[in-house]
N, C-alpha and C. Protein backbone atom coordinates (compact mmCIF):
# COMPACT_ATOMS: atom_id res chain seq x y z
N MET A 1 21.85 24.21 16.34
CA MET A 1 22.30 24.34 15.01
C MET A 1 23.69 23.87 14.52
N PRO A 2 24.06 23.16 13.27
CA PRO A 2 25.11 23.06 13.30
C PRO A 2 26.19 24.16 12.85
N ARG A 3 27.64 23.96 12.98
CA ARG A 3 28.31 24.92 12.80
C ARG A 3 28.90 25.49 11.23
N PRO A 4 28.65 26.70 11.07
CA PRO A 4 28.41 27.29 9.97
C PRO A 4 29.90 27.19 9.02
N THR A 5 29.97 25.77 8.30
CA THR A 5 31.07 25.76 7.34
C THR A 5 30.61 25.29 6.32
N LYS A 6 31.65 25.38 5.07
CA LYS A 6 31.05 25.25 3.97
C LYS A 6 31.01 23.40 3.82
N ILE A 7 31.87 23.07 4.09
CA ILE A 7 31.24 21.34 3.82
C ILE A 7 30.25 21.25 4.56
N GLU A 8 29.35 21.92 5.80
CA GLU A 8 28.21 21.36 6.21
C GLU A 8 27.36 21.34 5.51
N LEU A 9 27.60 22.87 4.63
CA LEU A 9 26.23 23.46 4.09
C LEU A 9 26.19 22.46 2.43
N ILE A 10 27.43 22.15 2.26
CA ILE A 10 27.52 21.03 0.97
C ILE A 10 26.71 19.88 1.26
N ARG A 11 26.93 19.32 2.57
CA ARG A 11 26.39 17.95 3.10
C ARG A 11 24.74 18.58 2.96
N LEU A 12 24.27 19.62 3.79
CA LEU A 12 22.98 19.66 3.99
C LEU A 12 22.47 19.92 2.28
N ARG A 13 22.99 20.50 1.40
CA ARG A 13 22.31 20.82 0.16
C ARG A 13 22.32 19.22 -0.20
N ARG A 14 23.16 18.42 -0.50
CA ARG A 14 23.20 16.84 -0.90
C ARG A 14 22.02 16.22 -0.13
N ARG A 15 21.97 16.22 1.16
CA ARG A 15 20.83 15.72 1.93
C ARG A 15 19.72 16.05 1.38
N LEU A 16 19.34 17.73 1.20
CA LEU A 16 18.43 18.28 0.60
C LEU A 16 17.69 17.44 -0.71
N ALA A 17 18.62 17.23 -1.10
CA ALA A 17 18.50 16.95 -2.94
C ALA A 17 17.82 15.56 -3.11
N LEU A 18 18.33 14.71 -2.09
CA LEU A 18 18.28 13.34 -1.76
C LEU A 18 16.66 13.05 -1.24
N SER A 19 16.53 14.04 -0.30
CA SER A 19 15.31 14.20 0.45
C SER A 19 13.83 14.50 -0.70
N ARG A 20 14.32 15.31 -1.63
CA ARG A 20 13.39 16.01 -2.39
C ARG A 20 13.11 14.45 -3.65
N ARG A 21 14.27 14.08 -3.99
CA ARG A 21 14.06 13.08 -4.65
C ARG A 21 13.33 11.93 -4.32
N ILE A 22 13.66 11.36 -3.09
CA ILE A 22 13.01 10.36 -2.36
C ILE A 22 11.26 10.87 -2.28
N HIS A 23 10.89 11.90 -2.04
CA HIS A 23 9.64 12.65 -1.94
C HIS A 23 9.33 12.34 -2.90
N ARG A 24 9.87 12.71 -4.28
CA ARG A 24 9.23 12.48 -5.33
C ARG A 24 8.81 11.15 -5.69
N ILE A 25 9.83 10.14 -5.67
CA ILE A 25 9.40 8.72 -5.98
C ILE A 25 8.55 8.28 -4.99
N LEU A 26 8.40 8.37 -3.92
CA LEU A 26 7.29 7.86 -2.89
C LEU A 26 6.06 8.42 -3.30
N ARG A 27 6.08 9.74 -3.55
CA ARG A 27 4.67 10.39 -3.89
C ARG A 27 4.22 9.72 -5.27
N ASP A 28 4.87 9.36 -6.48
CA ASP A 28 4.40 8.76 -7.33
C ASP A 28 4.00 7.30 -7.08
N ARG A 29 4.82 6.66 -5.93
CA ARG A 29 4.50 5.27 -5.82
C ARG A 29 2.98 5.27 -4.94
N LEU A 30 2.68 6.36 -4.07
CA LEU A 30 1.80 6.28 -3.38
C LEU A 30 0.47 6.63 -4.70
N THR A 31 0.64 7.27 -5.23
CA THR A 31 -0.53 7.43 -6.50
C THR A 31 -0.71 6.05 -7.33
N PHE A 32 0.30 5.68 -7.94
CA PHE A 32 0.06 4.06 -8.10
C PHE A 32 -0.62 3.15 -7.39
N LEU A 33 -0.18 3.52 -5.88
CA LEU A 33 -0.90 2.18 -5.05
C LEU A 33 -2.28 2.73 -4.89
N LEU A 34 -2.80 4.02 -4.86
CA LEU A 34 -4.32 4.32 -4.54
C LEU A 34 -4.75 3.99 -5.78
N GLN A 35 -4.22 4.25 -7.27
CA GLN A 35 -5.16 3.56 -8.36
C GLN A 35 -5.29 1.77 -8.34
N GLU A 36 -3.99 1.33 -7.88
CA GLU A 36 -4.24 -0.12 -7.88
C GLU A 36 -5.25 -0.52 -6.49
N PHE A 37 -5.31 0.15 -5.54
CA PHE A 37 -6.42 0.01 -3.94
C PHE A 37 -7.99 0.29 -4.89
N TYR A 38 -8.10 1.48 -5.70
CA TYR A 38 -9.23 1.25 -6.21
C TYR A 38 -9.94 0.48 -7.18
N ILE A 39 -8.97 -0.01 -8.03
CA ILE A 39 -9.09 -0.82 -9.36
C ILE A 39 -9.47 -2.17 -8.18
N VAL A 40 -8.64 -2.72 -7.09
CA VAL A 40 -9.14 -3.86 -6.42
C VAL A 40 -10.36 -3.72 -5.76
N PHE A 41 -10.67 -2.50 -4.91
CA PHE A 41 -11.73 -2.27 -4.31
C PHE A 41 -12.90 -2.90 -5.43
N ARG A 42 -12.91 -2.10 -6.67
CA ARG A 42 -13.88 -2.58 -7.39
C ARG A 42 -13.99 -3.83 -7.69
N LYS A 43 -13.03 -4.62 -8.09
CA LYS A 43 -13.13 -5.90 -8.20
C LYS A 43 -13.84 -6.71 -7.25
N ALA A 44 -13.21 -6.19 -5.97
CA ALA A 44 -13.87 -7.00 -4.62
C ALA A 44 -15.32 -6.66 -4.29
N TYR A 45 -15.75 -5.45 -4.53
CA TYR A 45 -17.37 -4.95 -4.61
C TYR A 45 -17.72 -6.09 -5.75
N ASP A 46 -17.18 -6.21 -6.98
CA ASP A 46 -18.22 -7.02 -7.82
C ASP A 46 -18.24 -8.36 -7.71
N ALA A 47 -17.05 -8.92 -7.02
CA ALA A 47 -17.13 -10.67 -6.42
C ALA A 47 -17.85 -10.58 -5.32
N ARG A 48 -18.06 -9.69 -4.45
CA ARG A 48 -18.68 -10.03 -3.14
C ARG A 48 -20.63 -10.05 -3.75
N ARG A 49 -20.76 -9.00 -4.48
CA ARG A 49 -22.02 -8.74 -4.57
C ARG A 49 -22.41 -10.25 -5.35
N LYS A 50 -21.69 -10.76 -6.45
CA LYS A 50 -22.05 -11.91 -7.25
C LYS A 50 -22.16 -13.16 -6.09
N LEU A 51 -21.11 -13.17 -5.09
CA LEU A 51 -21.13 -14.37 -4.10
C LEU A 51 -22.47 -13.80 -3.37
N HIS A 52 -22.98 -12.86 -2.98
CA HIS A 52 -24.66 -12.59 -2.10
C HIS A 52 -25.61 -13.14 -3.38
N GLU A 53 -25.49 -12.87 -4.63
CA GLU A 53 -26.38 -13.46 -5.53
C GLU A 53 -26.39 -14.95 -5.41
N MET A 54 -25.29 -15.51 -5.50
CA MET A 54 -25.16 -17.19 -5.91
C MET A 54 -25.79 -17.52 -4.50
N LEU A 55 -25.00 -16.77 -3.19
CA LEU A 55 -25.54 -17.57 -1.91
C LEU A 55 -27.28 -17.52 -1.81
N ASN A 56 -27.93 -16.39 -2.33
CA ASN A 56 -29.20 -16.25 -2.23
C ASN A 56 -30.19 -17.33 -3.05
N ASP A 57 -29.42 -17.53 -4.14
CA ASP A 57 -29.98 -18.57 -5.04
C ASP A 57 -29.82 -19.92 -4.55
N ILE A 58 -28.81 -20.08 -4.14
CA ILE A 58 -28.67 -21.54 -3.50
C ILE A 58 -29.36 -21.80 -2.30
N TYR A 59 -29.43 -21.04 -1.31
CA TYR A 59 -30.36 -20.99 -0.29
C TYR A 59 -31.86 -20.94 -0.80
N ASN A 60 -32.16 -20.55 -1.71
CA ASN A 60 -33.48 -20.85 -2.20
C ASN A 60 -33.74 -22.19 -2.52
N ASP A 61 -32.60 -22.56 -3.30
CA ASP A 61 -32.75 -24.12 -4.25
C ASP A 61 -32.59 -25.30 -2.79
N TYR A 62 -31.76 -24.70 -1.97
CA TYR A 62 -31.72 -25.62 -0.55
C TYR A 62 -33.06 -26.00 0.09
N ALA A 63 -33.68 -24.78 0.36
CA ALA A 63 -34.80 -24.62 1.24
C ALA A 63 -36.14 -25.24 0.53
N TYR A 64 -35.75 -25.07 -0.91
CA TYR A 64 -37.16 -25.96 -1.32
C TYR A 64 -36.72 -27.37 -1.40
N ALA A 65 -35.67 -28.02 -1.73
CA ALA A 65 -34.93 -29.31 -1.16
C ALA A 65 -35.50 -29.73 -0.15
N VAL A 66 -35.37 -29.32 0.85
CA VAL A 66 -35.41 -29.27 2.46
C VAL A 66 -36.85 -29.51 2.75
N ALA A 67 -37.74 -28.62 1.95
CA ALA A 67 -39.00 -28.84 2.08
C ALA A 67 -39.70 -29.77 1.56
N LEU A 68 -39.10 -30.26 0.29
CA LEU A 68 -39.76 -31.72 -0.37
C LEU A 68 -39.31 -32.81 0.41
N HIS A 69 -37.97 -33.04 0.57
CA HIS A 69 -37.29 -34.40 0.99
C HIS A 69 -36.84 -34.55 2.55
N GLY A 70 -36.89 -33.39 3.23
CA GLY A 70 -36.74 -33.19 4.43
C GLY A 70 -34.81 -33.09 4.73
N LEU A 71 -34.54 -32.70 5.88
CA LEU A 71 -33.24 -32.53 6.19
C LEU A 71 -32.56 -33.32 6.31
N GLU A 72 -33.13 -34.68 6.76
CA GLU A 72 -32.25 -35.72 7.24
C GLU A 72 -31.90 -36.63 5.95
N THR A 73 -33.00 -36.54 5.12
CA THR A 73 -32.35 -37.11 3.60
C THR A 73 -31.15 -36.40 3.01
N LEU A 74 -31.19 -35.30 3.15
CA LEU A 74 -30.30 -34.21 2.49
C LEU A 74 -29.00 -34.61 3.00
N ASN A 75 -29.16 -34.68 4.29
CA ASN A 75 -27.86 -35.00 5.12
C ASN A 75 -27.23 -36.28 4.56
N GLU A 76 -27.98 -37.38 4.53
CA GLU A 76 -27.16 -38.89 4.21
C GLU A 76 -26.97 -38.54 2.75
N GLY A 77 -27.64 -37.91 1.82
CA GLY A 77 -26.75 -37.95 0.42
C GLY A 77 -25.53 -37.25 0.67
N ALA A 78 -25.52 -36.13 1.34
CA ALA A 78 -24.16 -35.25 1.44
C ALA A 78 -23.20 -36.10 2.05
N GLN A 79 -23.41 -37.63 2.84
CA GLN A 79 -22.54 -37.86 3.51
C GLN A 79 -21.80 -38.93 2.59
N THR A 80 -22.28 -39.08 1.18
CA THR A 80 -21.75 -40.01 0.34
C THR A 80 -20.58 -38.91 -0.60
N ILE A 81 -20.37 -37.67 -0.23
CA ILE A 81 -19.45 -36.68 -1.05
C ILE A 81 -18.43 -37.09 -0.32
N GLY A 82 -17.37 -38.00 -0.80
CA GLY A 82 -16.19 -38.24 -0.16
C GLY A 82 -14.90 -37.00 -0.31
N GLU A 83 -15.05 -36.42 -1.18
CA GLU A 83 -13.72 -35.83 -1.14
C GLU A 83 -13.96 -34.21 -0.23
N VAL A 84 -13.18 -33.18 -0.48
CA VAL A 84 -13.16 -32.20 0.15
C VAL A 84 -12.41 -31.41 -0.93
N ALA A 85 -13.21 -30.03 -0.85
CA ALA A 85 -12.29 -29.34 -1.81
C ALA A 85 -10.77 -28.97 -1.42
N GLU A 86 -9.92 -28.45 -2.21
CA GLU A 86 -8.49 -28.36 -2.12
C GLU A 86 -8.29 -27.44 -2.49
N VAL A 87 -7.82 -26.14 -1.72
CA VAL A 87 -7.41 -24.97 -2.24
C VAL A 87 -5.62 -24.90 -2.24
N VAL A 88 -5.28 -24.16 -3.33
CA VAL A 88 -3.75 -23.96 -3.16
C VAL A 88 -3.48 -22.58 -2.99
N ALA A 89 -2.72 -22.39 -2.30
CA ALA A 89 -2.41 -20.99 -1.52
C ALA A 89 -1.07 -20.35 -2.05
N SER A 90 -0.48 -19.26 -2.44
CA SER A 90 0.58 -18.94 -2.78
C SER A 90 0.51 -17.41 -2.92
N THR A 91 1.53 -16.59 -3.09
CA THR A 91 1.50 -14.86 -2.96
C THR A 91 2.15 -14.60 -4.19
N ARG A 92 1.47 -13.52 -4.53
CA ARG A 92 2.22 -12.75 -5.87
C ARG A 92 2.73 -11.15 -5.22
N ASN A 93 3.32 -10.65 -6.21
CA ASN A 93 3.76 -9.53 -5.85
C ASN A 93 3.54 -8.07 -6.50
N ILE A 94 2.65 -7.32 -6.16
CA ILE A 94 2.14 -5.87 -6.61
C ILE A 94 2.52 -5.13 -6.13
N MET A 95 3.29 -4.25 -6.86
CA MET A 95 3.79 -3.07 -6.68
C MET A 95 4.77 -3.01 -5.34
N GLY A 96 5.58 -4.19 -4.95
CA GLY A 96 6.23 -4.40 -3.75
C GLY A 96 5.31 -4.72 -2.81
N VAL A 97 3.65 -5.15 -2.90
CA VAL A 97 2.98 -5.89 -1.69
C VAL A 97 2.82 -6.89 -2.05
N VAL A 98 2.78 -7.87 -0.79
CA VAL A 98 2.65 -9.17 -0.92
C VAL A 98 1.29 -9.46 -0.83
N ALA A 99 0.85 -10.41 -2.06
CA ALA A 99 -1.02 -10.44 -1.87
C ALA A 99 -1.06 -11.85 -2.38
N PRO A 100 -1.83 -12.30 -1.66
CA PRO A 100 -1.95 -13.87 -1.44
C PRO A 100 -2.65 -14.34 -3.01
N SER A 101 -2.38 -15.32 -3.30
CA SER A 101 -2.84 -15.79 -4.56
C SER A 101 -3.48 -17.41 -4.23
N MET A 102 -4.73 -17.32 -4.73
CA MET A 102 -5.29 -18.95 -4.39
C MET A 102 -6.38 -19.65 -5.39
N GLU A 103 -5.89 -20.91 -5.45
CA GLU A 103 -6.79 -21.44 -6.58
C GLU A 103 -7.19 -22.98 -6.01
N ALA A 104 -8.63 -23.03 -6.82
CA ALA A 104 -8.92 -24.66 -6.36
C ALA A 104 -8.55 -25.39 -6.78
N SER A 105 -7.67 -26.42 -6.52
CA SER A 105 -7.04 -27.46 -7.02
C SER A 105 -8.12 -28.94 -7.31
N SER A 106 -8.97 -28.77 -6.65
CA SER A 106 -9.56 -30.18 -6.40
C SER A 106 -11.31 -29.56 -5.82
N ILE A 107 -12.16 -30.01 -6.71
CA ILE A 107 -13.62 -29.89 -6.19
C ILE A 107 -14.26 -31.33 -6.27
N PRO A 108 -15.01 -31.52 -5.47
CA PRO A 108 -15.88 -32.55 -5.17
C PRO A 108 -16.83 -32.85 -6.52
N LEU A 109 -16.76 -34.03 -7.05
CA LEU A 109 -18.15 -34.13 -8.28
C LEU A 109 -19.45 -34.14 -7.68
N HIS A 110 -20.32 -34.46 -8.85
CA HIS A 110 -21.80 -34.43 -8.41
C HIS A 110 -21.71 -35.69 -7.52
N THR A 111 -22.64 -35.88 -7.11
CA THR A 111 -23.14 -37.26 -6.04
C THR A 111 -24.87 -37.49 -6.78
N PRO A 112 -24.83 -38.69 -7.26
CA PRO A 112 -26.50 -38.92 -7.45
C PRO A 112 -27.23 -39.42 -6.51
N ALA A 113 -26.58 -39.43 -5.18
CA ALA A 113 -27.33 -39.78 -4.05
C ALA A 113 -28.05 -38.95 -3.42
N LEU A 114 -28.02 -37.40 -4.08
CA LEU A 114 -28.59 -36.24 -3.60
C LEU A 114 -29.71 -36.29 -4.47
N PRO A 115 -31.05 -35.29 -4.06
CA PRO A 115 -32.01 -35.57 -4.92
C PRO A 115 -31.95 -34.50 -6.22
N ILE A 116 -32.69 -34.53 -7.01
CA ILE A 116 -32.47 -33.69 -8.42
C ILE A 116 -32.61 -32.20 -7.99
N GLU A 117 -33.43 -32.05 -6.82
CA GLU A 117 -33.81 -30.45 -6.63
C GLU A 117 -32.28 -29.90 -6.10
N VAL A 118 -31.31 -30.56 -5.59
CA VAL A 118 -30.14 -29.63 -5.42
C VAL A 118 -29.33 -29.96 -6.40
N SER A 119 -29.48 -30.39 -7.66
CA SER A 119 -28.22 -30.74 -8.80
C SER A 119 -28.05 -29.33 -9.10
N SER A 120 -28.71 -28.33 -9.36
CA SER A 120 -28.15 -26.57 -9.46
C SER A 120 -27.06 -26.50 -8.88
N ILE A 121 -27.24 -26.75 -7.27
CA ILE A 121 -26.35 -26.52 -6.29
C ILE A 121 -25.20 -26.92 -6.46
N GLN A 122 -25.20 -28.49 -6.78
CA GLN A 122 -23.95 -29.23 -7.08
C GLN A 122 -23.29 -28.66 -8.41
N MET A 123 -23.86 -28.36 -9.49
CA MET A 123 -23.39 -27.56 -10.43
C MET A 123 -22.75 -26.36 -10.45
N ARG A 124 -22.90 -25.46 -9.57
CA ARG A 124 -22.57 -24.31 -9.26
C ARG A 124 -21.37 -24.15 -8.24
N ARG A 125 -21.52 -25.92 -7.51
CA ARG A 125 -20.25 -25.65 -6.54
C ARG A 125 -18.66 -25.00 -7.20
N LYS A 126 -18.32 -25.44 -8.11
CA LYS A 126 -17.02 -24.74 -8.88
C LYS A 126 -17.04 -23.44 -8.62
N GLU A 127 -18.15 -22.77 -9.04
CA GLU A 127 -18.23 -21.49 -9.82
C GLU A 127 -18.39 -20.79 -8.30
N PHE A 128 -18.80 -21.05 -7.17
CA PHE A 128 -19.18 -20.67 -6.18
C PHE A 128 -17.95 -20.66 -5.10
N LEU A 129 -17.07 -21.85 -5.23
CA LEU A 129 -16.00 -21.81 -4.81
C LEU A 129 -14.92 -20.70 -5.30
N GLU A 130 -14.66 -20.79 -6.39
CA GLU A 130 -14.05 -19.73 -7.35
C GLU A 130 -14.27 -18.31 -6.99
N THR A 131 -15.49 -18.04 -6.82
CA THR A 131 -15.84 -16.45 -6.29
C THR A 131 -15.65 -16.47 -4.88
N LEU A 132 -15.65 -17.27 -4.26
CA LEU A 132 -15.11 -17.40 -2.24
C LEU A 132 -14.37 -17.07 -2.45
N ILE A 133 -12.99 -17.55 -3.21
CA ILE A 133 -11.59 -17.60 -3.52
C ILE A 133 -11.48 -16.38 -3.90
N SER A 134 -12.05 -15.64 -4.69
CA SER A 134 -11.86 -14.32 -5.65
C SER A 134 -12.11 -13.17 -4.21
N VAL A 135 -13.22 -13.27 -3.59
CA VAL A 135 -13.50 -12.07 -2.54
C VAL A 135 -12.29 -12.27 -1.34
N ALA A 136 -12.31 -13.37 -1.06
CA ALA A 136 -10.90 -13.59 0.14
C ALA A 136 -9.50 -13.00 -0.63
N GLU A 137 -9.16 -13.32 -1.83
CA GLU A 137 -8.16 -12.98 -2.35
C GLU A 137 -8.11 -11.06 -2.61
N TYR A 138 -9.28 -10.69 -3.19
CA TYR A 138 -9.32 -9.25 -3.33
C TYR A 138 -9.13 -8.55 -2.18
N GLU A 139 -10.20 -9.12 -0.76
CA GLU A 139 -10.31 -8.25 0.63
C GLU A 139 -8.56 -8.47 1.39
N LYS A 140 -8.17 -9.74 1.05
CA LYS A 140 -6.82 -9.41 1.78
C LYS A 140 -6.03 -8.48 0.95
N GLU A 141 -6.07 -8.45 -0.35
CA GLU A 141 -4.81 -7.51 -1.02
C GLU A 141 -5.32 -6.00 -0.54
N LEU A 142 -6.48 -5.81 -0.34
CA LEU A 142 -6.83 -4.22 -0.03
C LEU A 142 -6.35 -4.07 1.41
N ILE A 143 -6.42 -4.81 2.34
CA ILE A 143 -5.84 -4.93 3.68
C ILE A 143 -4.37 -4.57 3.37
N GLU A 144 -3.48 -5.49 2.49
CA GLU A 144 -2.04 -5.27 2.55
C GLU A 144 -2.03 -3.65 1.80
N LEU A 145 -2.52 -3.44 0.66
CA LEU A 145 -2.30 -2.39 0.20
C LEU A 145 -2.87 -0.82 1.12
N ALA A 146 -3.93 -1.16 1.67
CA ALA A 146 -4.09 0.00 2.90
C ALA A 146 -3.04 0.43 3.54
N ILE A 147 -2.40 -1.01 4.24
CA ILE A 147 -1.05 -1.24 5.30
C ILE A 147 -0.16 -0.20 4.40
N GLU A 148 0.27 -0.42 3.18
CA GLU A 148 1.26 -0.16 2.53
C GLU A 148 0.97 1.58 2.04
N ILE A 149 -0.08 1.97 1.67
CA ILE A 149 -0.64 3.42 1.69
C ILE A 149 -0.31 4.13 2.93
N SER A 150 -0.90 3.54 3.86
CA SER A 150 -0.42 4.18 4.96
C SER A 150 0.52 4.58 5.68
N ARG A 151 1.65 3.40 5.21
CA ARG A 151 3.13 3.68 5.66
C ARG A 151 3.43 4.67 4.82
N VAL A 152 3.41 4.52 3.20
CA VAL A 152 4.16 5.23 2.52
C VAL A 152 3.94 6.98 2.64
N LYS A 153 2.43 6.92 3.03
CA LYS A 153 1.82 8.30 3.39
C LYS A 153 2.41 9.16 4.62
N ARG A 154 2.72 8.10 5.29
CA ARG A 154 3.49 8.78 6.81
C ARG A 154 4.88 9.56 6.22
N ILE A 155 5.78 8.54 5.38
CA ILE A 155 6.96 8.69 4.69
C ILE A 155 6.99 9.86 4.22
N VAL A 156 5.87 10.25 3.47
CA VAL A 156 5.72 11.14 2.31
C VAL A 156 5.35 12.57 3.32
N THR A 157 4.65 12.85 4.17
CA THR A 157 3.99 13.55 5.25
C THR A 157 5.32 14.15 6.04
N MET A 158 6.14 12.88 6.70
CA MET A 158 7.15 13.42 7.47
C MET A 158 8.49 14.10 6.40
N LEU A 159 8.51 13.85 5.28
CA LEU A 159 9.47 14.47 4.41
C LEU A 159 8.87 15.90 4.36
N GLU A 160 7.99 15.59 3.94
CA GLU A 160 7.02 17.16 3.38
C GLU A 160 7.07 18.40 4.30
N LYS A 161 6.49 17.71 5.84
CA LYS A 161 6.02 18.59 6.68
C LYS A 161 7.37 18.73 7.73
N VAL A 162 8.41 17.73 7.83
CA VAL A 162 9.67 17.93 8.74
C VAL A 162 10.79 17.96 8.41
N LEU A 163 11.32 16.79 7.60
CA LEU A 163 12.61 16.92 7.30
C LEU A 163 12.99 17.88 6.17
N ILE A 164 12.15 17.93 4.86
CA ILE A 164 12.46 19.11 4.11
C ILE A 164 12.68 20.73 4.40
N PRO A 165 11.36 20.74 5.45
CA PRO A 165 11.56 22.34 5.74
C PRO A 165 12.65 22.34 6.88
N ARG A 166 12.53 21.16 7.63
CA ARG A 166 14.05 21.65 8.64
C ARG A 166 15.45 21.86 7.81
N LEU A 167 15.58 20.98 6.75
CA LEU A 167 16.93 20.91 6.04
C LEU A 167 16.82 22.43 5.37
N LEU A 168 15.82 23.29 4.60
CA LEU A 168 16.00 24.29 4.23
C LEU A 168 15.95 25.50 5.44
N THR A 169 15.46 25.27 6.54
CA THR A 169 15.72 26.22 7.36
C THR A 169 17.37 26.24 7.79
N THR A 170 17.74 25.18 7.99
CA THR A 170 18.97 25.25 8.54
C THR A 170 20.22 25.59 7.25
N ILE A 171 19.64 25.39 6.14
CA ILE A 171 20.57 25.77 4.79
C ILE A 171 20.59 27.69 4.94
N ARG A 172 19.31 27.91 5.16
CA ARG A 172 19.21 29.18 5.17
C ARG A 172 19.92 30.17 6.16
N TYR A 173 19.93 29.30 7.38
CA TYR A 173 20.46 29.81 8.58
C TYR A 173 22.15 29.97 8.72
N LEU A 174 22.70 28.96 7.86
CA LEU A 174 24.18 28.76 7.40
C LEU A 174 24.44 29.95 6.48
N MET A 175 23.52 29.99 5.55
CA MET A 175 23.98 31.09 4.46
C MET A 175 23.71 32.63 4.96
N MET A 176 22.79 32.65 5.86
CA MET A 176 22.98 33.92 6.78
C MET A 176 24.11 34.39 7.62
N LYS A 177 24.31 33.13 7.85
CA LYS A 177 25.69 33.11 8.70
C LYS A 177 27.11 33.55 7.83
N PHE A 178 26.87 32.90 6.59
CA PHE A 178 27.88 33.25 5.87
C PHE A 178 27.80 34.65 5.31
N ASP A 179 27.22 35.15 5.15
CA ASP A 179 26.69 36.41 4.42
C ASP A 179 27.39 37.28 5.74
N GLU A 180 27.02 37.10 6.78
CA GLU A 180 27.10 37.94 8.32
C GLU A 180 28.65 38.12 8.47
N MET A 181 29.53 36.64 8.17
CA MET A 181 30.78 36.53 8.30
C MET A 181 31.45 37.21 7.28
N GLU A 182 31.02 37.25 6.14
CA GLU A 182 31.60 37.79 4.72
C GLU A 182 31.44 39.39 5.26
N ARG A 183 30.43 40.01 5.71
CA ARG A 183 30.34 41.35 5.99
C ARG A 183 31.46 41.63 6.98
N GLU A 184 31.35 41.23 7.97
CA GLU A 184 32.29 41.25 8.88
C GLU A 184 33.77 41.17 8.53
N GLU A 185 34.01 40.17 7.53
CA GLU A 185 35.48 40.13 6.82
C GLU A 185 35.85 41.34 6.26
N LYS A 186 34.72 41.89 5.34
CA LYS A 186 34.94 43.08 4.47
C LYS A 186 34.99 44.29 5.51
N VAL A 187 34.15 44.37 6.66
CA VAL A 187 34.66 45.60 7.57
C VAL A 187 35.81 45.63 8.09
N ARG A 188 36.46 44.27 8.70
CA ARG A 188 37.83 43.79 9.07
C ARG A 188 38.94 44.49 8.38
N SER A 189 38.32 43.87 7.04
CA SER A 189 39.42 44.27 6.00
C SER A 189 39.64 45.91 5.48
N MET A 190 38.43 46.43 5.82
CA MET A 190 38.83 47.85 5.59
C MET A 190 39.16 48.79 6.59
N LYS A 191 39.03 48.14 7.45
CA LYS A 191 39.55 48.77 8.88
C LYS A 191 41.11 48.54 9.00
N VAL A 192 41.51 47.24 8.44
CA VAL A 192 42.83 47.01 8.17
C VAL A 192 43.70 48.01 7.26
N LYS A 193 43.07 47.92 5.96
CA LYS A 193 43.56 48.92 4.90
C LYS A 193 43.45 50.42 5.41
N ALA A 194 42.55 50.97 6.43
CA ALA A 194 42.57 52.45 6.48
C ALA A 194 43.78 52.41 7.73
N LEU A 195 43.88 51.49 8.36
CA LEU A 195 45.00 51.74 9.54
C LEU A 195 46.47 51.42 8.98
N LEU A 196 46.49 50.62 7.85
CA LEU A 196 47.66 50.53 7.23
C LEU A 196 47.78 51.86 6.54
N LEU A 197 46.76 52.81 5.74
CA LEU A 197 46.97 53.97 4.97
C LEU A 197 47.47 55.06 5.98
N GLN A 198 46.86 54.79 7.47
CA GLN A 198 47.00 56.24 8.32
C GLN A 198 48.41 55.75 8.65
N ARG A 199 49.04 54.75 8.80
CA ARG A 199 50.46 54.47 9.27
C ARG A 199 51.32 54.81 8.15
N ALA A 200 51.11 54.63 7.14
CA ALA A 200 51.82 54.69 5.79
C ALA A 200 52.12 56.50 5.49
N GLU A 201 50.94 57.08 6.16
CA GLU A 201 50.69 58.94 5.83
C GLU A 201 51.70 59.16 7.18
N SER A 202 51.62 58.69 8.13
CA SER A 202 52.17 59.39 9.33
C SER A 202 53.86 59.36 9.05
N MET A 203 54.53 58.07 8.24
CA MET A 203 55.83 57.84 8.23
C MET A 203 56.45 58.91 7.19
């Protein structure tokens, strides 16, 4: 326990006020982060469901084209697609959390070498790639938000359960010591007065 001095008590009270202010700010931040997490979770869920539906449709069209033309014909047609899709990646800041931001900058055009049965797959290429990018973005964002939520939660819990109670206990201890010292001082003062009075009477 610290020495019972007025300066120490003032210092501890300032620390307590600061800890409570930080606790309040972090608790608000935690609330906003959790709200953002649920918003992104909903978006990620919807984007993944859309991706699964698209994959199902694309697979059905592809299976039909393979049944009609054979895998070799489709592979030969696919070789004529010279370009590859390009994705530009950057980052953005969401409430102090760095999240990825991706955009498809180049998507290969349709190729006439492929059979008409796979034209629907070619037409949906851009939409599919954009949905895939959205899923990747949202899921990475969820991971980063979860890490930050966990970190802030730990600090809030530490302030709530450890630091603030410890400061309060120390402040109470010092105040109790000051009361005790004040009582002792009063008793001492009364004894001195009584002694002085006794001496004055005996003269």
